[in-house]
Amino acid sequence: MSFCLETYLQQSDDYDVLLSKAGFKDCAKTIEEKSEEVLYINAGEKVLGARLIGIPPIPVGINKDKGTIIISYTKPCHGTAAIELPVKENDIEEIRKVAIKN
Protein backbone atom coordinates (compact mmCIF):
# COMPACT_ATOMS: atom_id res chain seq x y z
CA MET A 1 0.00 0.00 0.00
CA SER A 2 1.58 3.24 -1.09
CA PHE A 3 -0.46 6.38 -0.74
CA CYS A 4 -0.46 9.86 0.69
CA LEU A 5 -1.50 9.52 4.31
CA GLU A 6 -2.68 13.12 4.49
CA THR A 7 -5.03 12.60 1.52
CA TYR A 8 -6.27 9.30 2.93
CA LEU A 9 -7.17 10.92 6.25
CA GLN A 10 -9.01 13.72 4.44
CA GLN A 11 -11.00 11.46 2.11
CA SER A 12 -11.75 8.37 4.17
CA ASP A 13 -13.70 7.55 7.32
CA ASP A 14 -12.03 4.14 7.60
CA TYR A 15 -9.62 4.98 10.44
CA ASP A 16 -9.73 5.76 14.15
CA VAL A 17 -7.89 8.55 15.92
CA LEU A 18 -6.95 7.03 19.28
CA LEU A 19 -5.12 10.10 20.58
CA SER A 20 -4.71 13.57 19.10
CA LYS A 21 -2.86 16.81 19.78
CA ALA A 22 -0.28 14.92 21.80
CA GLY A 23 3.46 14.42 21.91
CA PHE A 24 5.58 11.54 20.63
CA LYS A 25 5.89 9.86 24.03
CA ASP A 26 2.14 9.92 24.69
CA CYS A 27 1.44 8.47 21.25
CA ALA A 28 4.06 5.76 21.75
CA LYS A 29 2.43 4.79 25.04
CA THR A 30 -1.03 4.64 23.41
CA ILE A 31 0.31 2.49 20.57
CA GLU A 32 1.94 0.09 23.03
CA GLU A 33 -1.23 -0.17 25.15
CA LYS A 34 -3.72 -0.61 22.28
CA SER A 35 -1.80 -3.12 20.14
CA GLU A 36 -1.63 -6.92 20.16
CA GLU A 37 1.96 -6.70 18.90
CA VAL A 38 4.38 -3.79 18.68
CA LEU A 39 7.23 -3.49 16.20
CA TYR A 40 9.79 -0.69 16.39
CA ILE A 41 11.30 1.13 13.43
CA ASN A 42 13.90 3.83 12.93
CA ALA A 43 12.82 7.41 12.33
CA GLY A 44 12.45 8.12 8.62
CA GLU A 45 11.43 4.58 7.64
CA LYS A 46 8.45 4.34 5.32
CA VAL A 47 5.23 2.75 6.55
CA LEU A 48 2.40 2.65 4.02
CA GLY A 49 4.36 5.08 1.87
CA ALA A 50 4.73 7.70 4.63
CA ARG A 51 8.00 8.38 6.43
CA LEU A 52 7.44 8.25 10.18
CA ILE A 53 9.07 10.81 12.42
CA GLY A 54 9.44 10.78 16.16
CA ILE A 55 11.72 9.78 18.98
CA PRO A 56 13.38 6.51 17.93
CA PRO A 57 12.67 3.71 18.12
CA ILE A 58 9.19 4.48 16.79
CA PRO A 59 6.48 1.95 17.72
CA VAL A 60 4.09 0.60 15.11
CA GLY A 61 1.18 -1.33 16.58
CA ILE A 62 -0.14 -4.44 14.84
CA ASN A 63 -3.66 -5.75 15.45
CA LYS A 64 -3.66 -8.72 13.11
CA ASP A 65 -7.13 -9.97 14.10
CA LYS A 66 -8.65 -6.58 13.23
CA GLY A 67 -6.43 -6.14 10.17
CA THR A 68 -5.13 -2.78 11.40
CA ILE A 69 -1.96 -1.00 12.38
CA ILE A 70 -1.51 1.94 14.72
CA ILE A 71 1.03 4.60 13.81
CA SER A 72 1.96 8.03 15.04
CA TYR A 73 1.27 10.85 12.61
CA THR A 74 2.59 14.36 13.07
CA LYS A 75 0.96 17.36 11.45
CA PRO A 76 2.63 20.73 11.96
CA CYS A 77 0.69 23.06 14.28
CA HIS A 78 -1.60 20.17 15.31
CA GLY A 79 0.79 17.90 17.18
CA THR A 80 1.07 14.15 16.94
CA ALA A 81 -1.78 11.64 16.79
CA ALA A 82 -2.04 7.87 17.19
CA ILE A 83 -4.07 6.62 14.24
CA GLU A 84 -5.42 3.12 13.62
CA LEU A 85 -5.65 2.23 9.92
CA PRO A 86 -6.87 -0.87 8.08
CA VAL A 87 -4.14 -2.68 6.13
CA LYS A 88 -3.59 -5.82 4.11
CA GLU A 89 -1.49 -8.72 5.36
CA ASN A 90 1.32 -7.87 2.93
CA ASP A 91 1.51 -4.34 4.43
CA ILE A 92 2.18 -5.89 7.84
CA GLU A 93 4.92 -8.05 6.32
CA GLU A 94 6.54 -4.95 4.77
CA ILE A 95 6.59 -3.32 8.22
CA ARG A 96 8.22 -6.45 9.66
CA LYS A 97 11.01 -6.12 7.06
CA VAL A 98 12.01 -2.64 8.31
CA ALA A 99 11.48 -3.35 12.02
CA ILE A 100 14.54 -3.06 14.22
CA LYS A 101 13.05 -4.88 17.22
CA ASN A 102 9.78 -6.16 18.64
PDB file of N, CA and C in Angstrom:
ATOM      1  N   MET A   1       0.855  -1.172   0.000  1.00  0.00           N
ATOM      2  CA  MET A   1       0.000   0.000   0.000  1.00  0.00           C
ATOM      3  C   MET A   1       0.897   1.231   0.000  1.00  0.00           C
ATOM      4  N   SER A   2       0.802   2.011  -1.018  1.00  0.00           N
ATOM      5  CA  SER A   2       1.576   3.239  -1.088  1.00  0.00           C
ATOM      6  C   SER A   2       0.621   4.367  -1.431  1.00  0.00           C
ATOM      7  N   PHE A   3       0.472   5.276  -0.509  1.00  0.00           N
ATOM      8  CA  PHE A   3      -0.458   6.377  -0.737  1.00  0.00           C
ATOM      9  C   PHE A   3      -0.050   7.570   0.112  1.00  0.00           C
ATOM     10  N   CYS A   4      -0.699   8.674  -0.123  1.00  0.00           N
ATOM     11  CA  CYS A   4      -0.462   9.859   0.687  1.00  0.00           C
ATOM     12  C   CYS A   4      -1.354   9.774   1.927  1.00  0.00           C
ATOM     13  N   LEU A   5      -0.748   9.666   3.073  1.00  0.00           N
ATOM     14  CA  LEU A   5      -1.502   9.522   4.313  1.00  0.00           C
ATOM     15  C   LEU A   5      -2.394  10.724   4.569  1.00  0.00           C
ATOM     16  N   GLU A   6      -1.891  11.896   4.290  1.00  0.00           N
ATOM     17  CA  GLU A   6      -2.683  13.118   4.489  1.00  0.00           C
ATOM     18  C   GLU A   6      -3.972  13.071   3.659  1.00  0.00           C
ATOM     19  N   THR A   7      -3.862  12.688   2.390  1.00  0.00           N
ATOM     20  CA  THR A   7      -5.028  12.601   1.516  1.00  0.00           C
ATOM     21  C   THR A   7      -5.994  11.522   2.011  1.00  0.00           C
ATOM     22  N   TYR A   8      -5.442  10.385   2.423  1.00  0.00           N
ATOM     23  CA  TYR A   8      -6.271   9.296   2.929  1.00  0.00           C
ATOM     24  C   TYR A   8      -7.099   9.762   4.130  1.00  0.00           C
ATOM     25  N   LEU A   9      -6.468  10.460   5.056  1.00  0.00           N
ATOM     26  CA  LEU A   9      -7.173  10.925   6.250  1.00  0.00           C
ATOM     27  C   LEU A   9      -8.245  11.958   5.904  1.00  0.00           C
ATOM     28  N   GLN A  10      -8.033  12.723   4.855  1.00  0.00           N
ATOM     29  CA  GLN A  10      -9.014  13.721   4.443  1.00  0.00           C
ATOM     30  C   GLN A  10     -10.198  13.100   3.718  1.00  0.00           C
ATOM     31  N   GLN A  11      -9.969  12.002   2.998  1.00  0.00           N
ATOM     32  CA  GLN A  11     -10.995  11.459   2.108  1.00  0.00           C
ATOM     33  C   GLN A  11     -11.656  10.186   2.605  1.00  0.00           C
ATOM     34  N   SER A  12     -11.212   9.634   3.702  1.00  0.00           N
ATOM     35  CA  SER A  12     -11.750   8.366   4.175  1.00  0.00           C
ATOM     36  C   SER A  12     -12.252   8.481   5.617  1.00  0.00           C
ATOM     37  N   ASP A  13     -13.225   7.669   5.935  1.00  0.00           N
ATOM     38  CA  ASP A  13     -13.695   7.553   7.318  1.00  0.00           C
ATOM     39  C   ASP A  13     -13.237   6.239   7.933  1.00  0.00           C
ATOM     40  N   ASP A  14     -12.424   5.481   7.191  1.00  0.00           N
ATOM     41  CA  ASP A  14     -12.029   4.144   7.601  1.00  0.00           C
ATOM     42  C   ASP A  14     -10.746   4.158   8.427  1.00  0.00           C
ATOM     43  N   TYR A  15     -10.746   4.923   9.510  1.00  0.00           N
ATOM     44  CA  TYR A  15      -9.624   4.977  10.438  1.00  0.00           C
ATOM     45  C   TYR A  15     -10.144   5.494  11.769  1.00  0.00           C
ATOM     46  N   ASP A  16      -9.372   5.265  12.818  1.00  0.00           N
ATOM     47  CA  ASP A  16      -9.726   5.765  14.152  1.00  0.00           C
ATOM     48  C   ASP A  16      -8.572   6.581  14.702  1.00  0.00           C
ATOM     49  N   VAL A  17      -8.879   7.748  15.225  1.00  0.00           N
ATOM     50  CA  VAL A  17      -7.886   8.553  15.924  1.00  0.00           C
ATOM     51  C   VAL A  17      -7.980   8.163  17.397  1.00  0.00           C
ATOM     52  N   LEU A  18      -6.945   7.514  17.896  1.00  0.00           N
ATOM     53  CA  LEU A  18      -6.948   7.026  19.278  1.00  0.00           C
ATOM     54  C   LEU A  18      -6.471   8.091  20.255  1.00  0.00           C
ATOM     55  N   LEU A  19      -5.644   9.018  19.762  1.00  0.00           N
ATOM     56  CA  LEU A  19      -5.120  10.101  20.581  1.00  0.00           C
ATOM     57  C   LEU A  19      -4.732  11.223  19.630  1.00  0.00           C
ATOM     58  N   SER A  20      -5.068  12.461  19.977  1.00  0.00           N
ATOM     59  CA  SER A  20      -4.710  13.573  19.099  1.00  0.00           C
ATOM     60  C   SER A  20      -4.117  14.715  19.909  1.00  0.00           C
ATOM     61  N   LYS A  21      -3.476  15.628  19.183  1.00  0.00           N
ATOM     62  CA  LYS A  21      -2.858  16.814  19.779  1.00  0.00           C
ATOM     63  C   LYS A  21      -1.963  16.456  20.959  1.00  0.00           C
ATOM     64  N   ALA A  22      -1.140  15.445  20.746  1.00  0.00           N
ATOM     65  CA  ALA A  22      -0.282  14.923  21.804  1.00  0.00           C
ATOM     66  C   ALA A  22       1.179  15.004  21.372  1.00  0.00           C
ATOM     67  N   GLY A  23       2.042  14.491  22.215  1.00  0.00           N
ATOM     68  CA  GLY A  23       3.465  14.418  21.907  1.00  0.00           C
ATOM     69  C   GLY A  23       3.850  13.005  21.503  1.00  0.00           C
ATOM     70  N   PHE A  24       5.103  12.848  21.077  1.00  0.00           N
ATOM     71  CA  PHE A  24       5.584  11.538  20.632  1.00  0.00           C
ATOM     72  C   PHE A  24       5.487  10.485  21.740  1.00  0.00           C
ATOM     73  N   LYS A  25       5.877  10.845  22.942  1.00  0.00           N
ATOM     74  CA  LYS A  25       5.889   9.863  24.030  1.00  0.00           C
ATOM     75  C   LYS A  25       4.483   9.397  24.383  1.00  0.00           C
ATOM     76  N   ASP A  26       3.520  10.305  24.396  1.00  0.00           N
ATOM     77  CA  ASP A  26       2.138   9.918  24.686  1.00  0.00           C
ATOM     78  C   ASP A  26       1.584   9.009  23.597  1.00  0.00           C
ATOM     79  N   CYS A  27       1.900   9.311  22.354  1.00  0.00           N
ATOM     80  CA  CYS A  27       1.437   8.470  21.247  1.00  0.00           C
ATOM     81  C   CYS A  27       2.080   7.092  21.311  1.00  0.00           C
ATOM     82  N   ALA A  28       3.371   7.042  21.627  1.00  0.00           N
ATOM     83  CA  ALA A  28       4.061   5.756  21.746  1.00  0.00           C
ATOM     84  C   ALA A  28       3.405   4.902  22.832  1.00  0.00           C
ATOM     85  N   LYS A  29       3.073   5.519  23.941  1.00  0.00           N
ATOM     86  CA  LYS A  29       2.434   4.791  25.041  1.00  0.00           C
ATOM     87  C   LYS A  29       1.066   4.260  24.605  1.00  0.00           C
ATOM     88  N   THR A  30       0.288   5.067  23.900  1.00  0.00           N
ATOM     89  CA  THR A  30      -1.025   4.640  23.410  1.00  0.00           C
ATOM     90  C   THR A  30      -0.881   3.476  22.441  1.00  0.00           C
ATOM     91  N   ILE A  31       0.084   3.565  21.528  1.00  0.00           N
ATOM     92  CA  ILE A  31       0.307   2.486  20.565  1.00  0.00           C
ATOM     93  C   ILE A  31       0.655   1.195  21.302  1.00  0.00           C
ATOM     94  N   GLU A  32       1.530   1.273  22.282  1.00  0.00           N
ATOM     95  CA  GLU A  32       1.943   0.086  23.031  1.00  0.00           C
ATOM     96  C   GLU A  32       0.786  -0.512  23.828  1.00  0.00           C
ATOM     97  N   GLU A  33      -0.103   0.315  24.347  1.00  0.00           N
ATOM     98  CA  GLU A  33      -1.230  -0.167  25.151  1.00  0.00           C
ATOM     99  C   GLU A  33      -2.362  -0.747  24.306  1.00  0.00           C
ATOM    100  N   LYS A  34      -2.556  -0.242  23.091  1.00  0.00           N
ATOM    101  CA  LYS A  34      -3.722  -0.614  22.275  1.00  0.00           C
ATOM    102  C   LYS A  34      -3.420  -1.657  21.204  1.00  0.00           C
ATOM    103  N   SER A  35      -2.200  -2.203  21.196  1.00  0.00           N
ATOM    104  CA  SER A  35      -1.803  -3.124  20.135  1.00  0.00           C
ATOM    105  C   SER A  35      -1.560  -4.526  20.664  1.00  0.00           C
ATOM    106  N   GLU A  36      -1.920  -5.521  19.834  1.00  0.00           N
ATOM    107  CA  GLU A  36      -1.627  -6.918  20.162  1.00  0.00           C
ATOM    108  C   GLU A  36      -0.123  -7.179  20.100  1.00  0.00           C
ATOM    109  N   GLU A  37       0.520  -6.538  19.135  1.00  0.00           N
ATOM    110  CA  GLU A  37       1.957  -6.699  18.903  1.00  0.00           C
ATOM    111  C   GLU A  37       2.522  -5.320  18.563  1.00  0.00           C
ATOM    112  N   VAL A  38       3.735  -5.063  18.989  1.00  0.00           N
ATOM    113  CA  VAL A  38       4.384  -3.786  18.680  1.00  0.00           C
ATOM    114  C   VAL A  38       5.734  -4.057  18.034  1.00  0.00           C
ATOM    115  N   LEU A  39       5.939  -3.457  16.871  1.00  0.00           N
ATOM    116  CA  LEU A  39       7.230  -3.487  16.204  1.00  0.00           C
ATOM    117  C   LEU A  39       7.822  -2.091  16.311  1.00  0.00           C
ATOM    118  N   TYR A  40       9.127  -1.993  16.286  1.00  0.00           N
ATOM    119  CA  TYR A  40       9.788  -0.693  16.386  1.00  0.00           C
ATOM    120  C   TYR A  40      10.600  -0.459  15.127  1.00  0.00           C
ATOM    121  N   ILE A  41      10.561   0.773  14.638  1.00  0.00           N
ATOM    122  CA  ILE A  41      11.302   1.127  13.434  1.00  0.00           C
ATOM    123  C   ILE A  41      12.129   2.381  13.699  1.00  0.00           C
ATOM    124  N   ASN A  42      13.094   2.610  12.834  1.00  0.00           N
ATOM    125  CA  ASN A  42      13.902   3.831  12.927  1.00  0.00           C
ATOM    126  C   ASN A  42      13.126   5.005  12.364  1.00  0.00           C
ATOM    127  N   ALA A  43      13.422   6.180  12.868  1.00  0.00           N
ATOM    128  CA  ALA A  43      12.821   7.406  12.332  1.00  0.00           C
ATOM    129  C   ALA A  43      13.182   7.525  10.859  1.00  0.00           C
ATOM    130  N   GLY A  44      12.224   7.951  10.052  1.00  0.00           N
ATOM    131  CA  GLY A  44      12.453   8.122   8.623  1.00  0.00           C
ATOM    132  C   GLY A  44      12.093   6.926   7.783  1.00  0.00           C
ATOM    133  N   GLU A  45      11.843   5.765   8.408  1.00  0.00           N
ATOM    134  CA  GLU A  45      11.426   4.585   7.639  1.00  0.00           C
ATOM    135  C   GLU A  45      10.029   4.813   7.085  1.00  0.00           C
ATOM    136  N   LYS A  46       9.765   4.216   5.936  1.00  0.00           N
ATOM    137  CA  LYS A  46       8.447   4.338   5.324  1.00  0.00           C
ATOM    138  C   LYS A  46       7.513   3.245   5.828  1.00  0.00           C
ATOM    139  N   VAL A  47       6.315   3.662   6.206  1.00  0.00           N
ATOM    140  CA  VAL A  47       5.235   2.749   6.553  1.00  0.00           C
ATOM    141  C   VAL A  47       4.034   3.205   5.741  1.00  0.00           C
ATOM    142  N   LEU A  48       3.516   2.327   4.909  1.00  0.00           N
ATOM    143  CA  LEU A  48       2.400   2.652   4.017  1.00  0.00           C
ATOM    144  C   LEU A  48       2.718   3.839   3.115  1.00  0.00           C
ATOM    145  N   GLY A  49       3.969   4.003   2.761  1.00  0.00           N
ATOM    146  CA  GLY A  49       4.364   5.082   1.872  1.00  0.00           C
ATOM    147  C   GLY A  49       4.665   6.393   2.562  1.00  0.00           C
ATOM    148  N   ALA A  50       4.477   6.466   3.882  1.00  0.00           N
ATOM    149  CA  ALA A  50       4.735   7.699   4.627  1.00  0.00           C
ATOM    150  C   ALA A  50       5.952   7.493   5.527  1.00  0.00           C
ATOM    151  N   ARG A  51       6.845   8.458   5.540  1.00  0.00           N
ATOM    152  CA  ARG A  51       8.003   8.384   6.435  1.00  0.00           C
ATOM    153  C   ARG A  51       7.573   8.815   7.839  1.00  0.00           C
ATOM    154  N   LEU A  52       7.826   7.941   8.805  1.00  0.00           N
ATOM    155  CA  LEU A  52       7.441   8.247  10.180  1.00  0.00           C
ATOM    156  C   LEU A  52       8.548   9.031  10.872  1.00  0.00           C
ATOM    157  N   ILE A  53       8.134  10.030  11.626  1.00  0.00           N
ATOM    158  CA  ILE A  53       9.075  10.806  12.418  1.00  0.00           C
ATOM    159  C   ILE A  53       8.716  10.659  13.883  1.00  0.00           C
ATOM    160  N   GLY A  54       9.684  10.888  14.729  1.00  0.00           N
ATOM    161  CA  GLY A  54       9.444  10.782  16.157  1.00  0.00           C
ATOM    162  C   GLY A  54      10.731  10.482  16.889  1.00  0.00           C
ATOM    163  N   ILE A  55      10.583  10.132  18.148  1.00  0.00           N
ATOM    164  CA  ILE A  55      11.722   9.777  18.985  1.00  0.00           C
ATOM    165  C   ILE A  55      11.979   8.285  18.795  1.00  0.00           C
ATOM    166  N   PRO A  56      13.124   7.921  18.202  1.00  0.00           N
ATOM    167  CA  PRO A  56      13.383   6.507  17.930  1.00  0.00           C
ATOM    168  C   PRO A  56      13.650   5.713  19.200  1.00  0.00           C
ATOM    169  N   PRO A  57      13.352   4.434  19.189  1.00  0.00           N
ATOM    170  CA  PRO A  57      12.670   3.712  18.124  1.00  0.00           C
ATOM    171  C   PRO A  57      11.173   4.031  18.130  1.00  0.00           C
ATOM    172  N   ILE A  58      10.594   4.106  16.943  1.00  0.00           N
ATOM    173  CA  ILE A  58       9.188   4.482  16.794  1.00  0.00           C
ATOM    174  C   ILE A  58       8.329   3.218  16.794  1.00  0.00           C
ATOM    175  N   PRO A  59       7.341   3.130  17.700  1.00  0.00           N
ATOM    176  CA  PRO A  59       6.482   1.946  17.724  1.00  0.00           C
ATOM    177  C   PRO A  59       5.442   1.978  16.604  1.00  0.00           C
ATOM    178  N   VAL A  60       5.186   0.806  16.056  1.00  0.00           N
ATOM    179  CA  VAL A  60       4.090   0.599  15.109  1.00  0.00           C
ATOM    180  C   VAL A  60       3.285  -0.568  15.676  1.00  0.00           C
ATOM    181  N   GLY A  61       2.027  -0.306  15.993  1.00  0.00           N
ATOM    182  CA  GLY A  61       1.180  -1.335  16.576  1.00  0.00           C
ATOM    183  C   GLY A  61       0.542  -2.192  15.499  1.00  0.00           C
ATOM    184  N   ILE A  62       0.487  -3.494  15.761  1.00  0.00           N
ATOM    185  CA  ILE A  62      -0.138  -4.445  14.839  1.00  0.00           C
ATOM    186  C   ILE A  62      -1.310  -5.106  15.563  1.00  0.00           C
ATOM    187  N   ASN A  63      -2.484  -5.023  14.957  1.00  0.00           N
ATOM    188  CA  ASN A  63      -3.663  -5.750  15.450  1.00  0.00           C
ATOM    189  C   ASN A  63      -4.119  -6.659  14.308  1.00  0.00           C
ATOM    190  N   LYS A  64      -3.461  -7.813  14.231  1.00  0.00           N
ATOM    191  CA  LYS A  64      -3.660  -8.723  13.108  1.00  0.00           C
ATOM    192  C   LYS A  64      -5.102  -9.202  12.995  1.00  0.00           C
ATOM    193  N   ASP A  65      -5.743  -9.491  14.124  1.00  0.00           N
ATOM    194  CA  ASP A  65      -7.134  -9.974  14.097  1.00  0.00           C
ATOM    195  C   ASP A  65      -8.086  -8.931  13.513  1.00  0.00           C
ATOM    196  N   LYS A  66      -7.816  -7.665  13.763  1.00  0.00           N
ATOM    197  CA  LYS A  66      -8.651  -6.585  13.228  1.00  0.00           C
ATOM    198  C   LYS A  66      -8.195  -6.144  11.837  1.00  0.00           C
ATOM    199  N   GLY A  67      -6.977  -6.563  11.444  1.00  0.00           N
ATOM    200  CA  GLY A  67      -6.429  -6.143  10.165  1.00  0.00           C
ATOM    201  C   GLY A  67      -6.052  -4.674  10.158  1.00  0.00           C
ATOM    202  N   THR A  68      -5.495  -4.198  11.285  1.00  0.00           N
ATOM    203  CA  THR A  68      -5.132  -2.777  11.399  1.00  0.00           C
ATOM    204  C   THR A  68      -3.716  -2.619  11.943  1.00  0.00           C
ATOM    205  N   ILE A  69      -3.188  -1.417  11.716  1.00  0.00           N
ATOM    206  CA  ILE A  69      -1.958  -1.004  12.375  1.00  0.00           C
ATOM    207  C   ILE A  69      -2.235   0.330  13.062  1.00  0.00           C
ATOM    208  N   ILE A  70      -1.414   0.648  14.052  1.00  0.00           N
ATOM    209  CA  ILE A  70      -1.506   1.944  14.720  1.00  0.00           C
ATOM    210  C   ILE A  70      -0.156   2.621  14.552  1.00  0.00           C
ATOM    211  N   ILE A  71      -0.190   3.838  14.004  1.00  0.00           N
ATOM    212  CA  ILE A  71       1.029   4.603  13.805  1.00  0.00           C
ATOM    213  C   ILE A  71       0.873   5.995  14.402  1.00  0.00           C
ATOM    214  N   SER A  72       1.994   6.631  14.638  1.00  0.00           N
ATOM    215  CA  SER A  72       1.965   8.031  15.041  1.00  0.00           C
ATOM    216  C   SER A  72       2.043   8.867  13.771  1.00  0.00           C
ATOM    217  N   TYR A  73       1.318   9.968  13.773  1.00  0.00           N
ATOM    218  CA  TYR A  73       1.274  10.849  12.612  1.00  0.00           C
ATOM    219  C   TYR A  73       1.378  12.272  13.113  1.00  0.00           C
ATOM    220  N   THR A  74       2.367  12.992  12.625  1.00  0.00           N
ATOM    221  CA  THR A  74       2.589  14.361  13.070  1.00  0.00           C
ATOM    222  C   THR A  74       2.182  15.329  11.976  1.00  0.00           C
ATOM    223  N   LYS A  75       1.380  16.300  12.369  1.00  0.00           N
ATOM    224  CA  LYS A  75       0.964  17.359  11.455  1.00  0.00           C
ATOM    225  C   LYS A  75       1.374  18.681  12.098  1.00  0.00           C
ATOM    226  N   PRO A  76       2.178  19.469  11.384  1.00  0.00           N
ATOM    227  CA  PRO A  76       2.631  20.735  11.961  1.00  0.00           C
ATOM    228  C   PRO A  76       1.463  21.579  12.487  1.00  0.00           C
ATOM    229  N   CYS A  77       1.668  22.198  13.606  1.00  0.00           N
ATOM    230  CA  CYS A  77       0.690  23.058  14.282  1.00  0.00           C
ATOM    231  C   CYS A  77      -0.462  22.290  14.913  1.00  0.00           C
ATOM    232  N   HIS A  78      -0.517  20.969  14.728  1.00  0.00           N
ATOM    233  CA  HIS A  78      -1.598  20.174  15.305  1.00  0.00           C
ATOM    234  C   HIS A  78      -1.084  19.097  16.255  1.00  0.00           C
ATOM    235  N   GLY A  79       0.214  18.905  16.305  1.00  0.00           N
ATOM    236  CA  GLY A  79       0.786  17.904  17.180  1.00  0.00           C
ATOM    237  C   GLY A  79       0.808  16.527  16.546  1.00  0.00           C
ATOM    238  N   THR A  80       0.958  15.535  17.389  1.00  0.00           N
ATOM    239  CA  THR A  80       1.066  14.150  16.942  1.00  0.00           C
ATOM    240  C   THR A  80      -0.170  13.385  17.373  1.00  0.00           C
ATOM    241  N   ALA A  81      -0.600  12.460  16.524  1.00  0.00           N
ATOM    242  CA  ALA A  81      -1.776  11.643  16.792  1.00  0.00           C
ATOM    243  C   ALA A  81      -1.420  10.172  16.644  1.00  0.00           C
ATOM    244  N   ALA A  82      -2.126   9.327  17.369  1.00  0.00           N
ATOM    245  CA  ALA A  82      -2.036   7.874  17.186  1.00  0.00           C
ATOM    246  C   ALA A  82      -3.255   7.470  16.372  1.00  0.00           C
ATOM    247  N   ILE A  83      -3.001   6.919  15.184  1.00  0.00           N
ATOM    248  CA  ILE A  83      -4.073   6.622  14.239  1.00  0.00           C
ATOM    249  C   ILE A  83      -4.076   5.137  13.905  1.00  0.00           C
ATOM    250  N   GLU A  84      -5.257   4.521  13.977  1.00  0.00           N
ATOM    251  CA  GLU A  84      -5.417   3.117  13.619  1.00  0.00           C
ATOM    252  C   GLU A  84      -6.001   3.033  12.212  1.00  0.00           C
ATOM    253  N   LEU A  85      -5.285   2.326  11.330  1.00  0.00           N
ATOM    254  CA  LEU A  85      -5.650   2.231   9.920  1.00  0.00           C
ATOM    255  C   LEU A  85      -5.815   0.779   9.495  1.00  0.00           C
ATOM    256  N   PRO A  86      -6.764   0.491   8.618  1.00  0.00           N
ATOM    257  CA  PRO A  86      -6.870  -0.867   8.077  1.00  0.00           C
ATOM    258  C   PRO A  86      -5.755  -1.108   7.062  1.00  0.00           C
ATOM    259  N   VAL A  87      -5.211  -2.323   7.062  1.00  0.00           N
ATOM    260  CA  VAL A  87      -4.145  -2.683   6.125  1.00  0.00           C
ATOM    261  C   VAL A  87      -4.351  -4.118   5.645  1.00  0.00           C
ATOM    262  N   LYS A  88      -3.613  -4.449   4.608  1.00  0.00           N
ATOM    263  CA  LYS A  88      -3.588  -5.824   4.105  1.00  0.00           C
ATOM    264  C   LYS A  88      -2.447  -6.566   4.780  1.00  0.00           C
ATOM    265  N   GLU A  89      -2.520  -7.879   4.742  1.00  0.00           N
ATOM    266  CA  GLU A  89      -1.493  -8.721   5.358  1.00  0.00           C
ATOM    267  C   GLU A  89      -0.097  -8.398   4.809  1.00  0.00           C
ATOM    268  N   ASN A  90       0.003  -8.150   3.505  1.00  0.00           N
ATOM    269  CA  ASN A  90       1.323  -7.872   2.934  1.00  0.00           C
ATOM    270  C   ASN A  90       1.888  -6.538   3.447  1.00  0.00           C
ATOM    271  N   ASP A  91       1.024  -5.595   3.833  1.00  0.00           N
ATOM    272  CA  ASP A  91       1.511  -4.343   4.428  1.00  0.00           C
ATOM    273  C   ASP A  91       2.173  -4.616   5.775  1.00  0.00           C
ATOM    274  N   ILE A  92       1.594  -5.511   6.543  1.00  0.00           N
ATOM    275  CA  ILE A  92       2.181  -5.886   7.837  1.00  0.00           C
ATOM    276  C   ILE A  92       3.535  -6.547   7.618  1.00  0.00           C
ATOM    277  N   GLU A  93       3.639  -7.387   6.611  1.00  0.00           N
ATOM    278  CA  GLU A  93       4.918  -8.047   6.320  1.00  0.00           C
ATOM    279  C   GLU A  93       5.982  -7.036   5.897  1.00  0.00           C
ATOM    280  N   GLU A  94       5.586  -6.001   5.162  1.00  0.00           N
ATOM    281  CA  GLU A  94       6.538  -4.951   4.772  1.00  0.00           C
ATOM    282  C   GLU A  94       7.046  -4.192   6.002  1.00  0.00           C
ATOM    283  N   ILE A  95       6.172  -3.979   6.977  1.00  0.00           N
ATOM    284  CA  ILE A  95       6.587  -3.319   8.221  1.00  0.00           C
ATOM    285  C   ILE A  95       7.572  -4.207   8.968  1.00  0.00           C
ATOM    286  N   ARG A  96       7.313  -5.507   8.989  1.00  0.00           N
ATOM    287  CA  ARG A  96       8.223  -6.447   9.661  1.00  0.00           C
ATOM    288  C   ARG A  96       9.631  -6.387   9.049  1.00  0.00           C
ATOM    289  N   LYS A  97       9.712  -6.161   7.745  1.00  0.00           N
ATOM    290  CA  LYS A  97      11.014  -6.119   7.060  1.00  0.00           C
ATOM    291  C   LYS A  97      11.860  -4.931   7.514  1.00  0.00           C
ATOM    292  N   VAL A  98      11.238  -3.827   7.891  1.00  0.00           N
ATOM    293  CA  VAL A  98      12.014  -2.643   8.306  1.00  0.00           C
ATOM    294  C   VAL A  98      12.107  -2.511   9.827  1.00  0.00           C
ATOM    295  N   ALA A  99      11.458  -3.419  10.548  1.00  0.00           N
ATOM    296  CA  ALA A  99      11.475  -3.351  12.015  1.00  0.00           C
ATOM    297  C   ALA A  99      12.886  -3.615  12.547  1.00  0.00           C
ATOM    298  N   ILE A 100      13.222  -2.872  13.592  1.00  0.00           N
ATOM    299  CA  ILE A 100      14.536  -3.065  14.219  1.00  0.00           C
ATOM    300  C   ILE A 100      14.453  -3.932  15.462  1.00  0.00           C
ATOM    301  N   LYS A 101      13.258  -3.998  16.074  1.00  0.00           N
ATOM    302  CA  LYS A 101      13.052  -4.876  17.225  1.00  0.00           C
ATOM    303  C   LYS A 101      11.559  -4.983  17.484  1.00  0.00           C
ATOM    304  N   ASN A 102      11.190  -6.014  18.235  1.00  0.00           N
ATOM    305  CA  ASN A 102       9.779  -6.164  18.643  1.00  0.00           C
ATOM    306  C   ASN A 102       9.697  -6.598  20.069  1.00  0.00           C
TER     307      ASN A 102
END
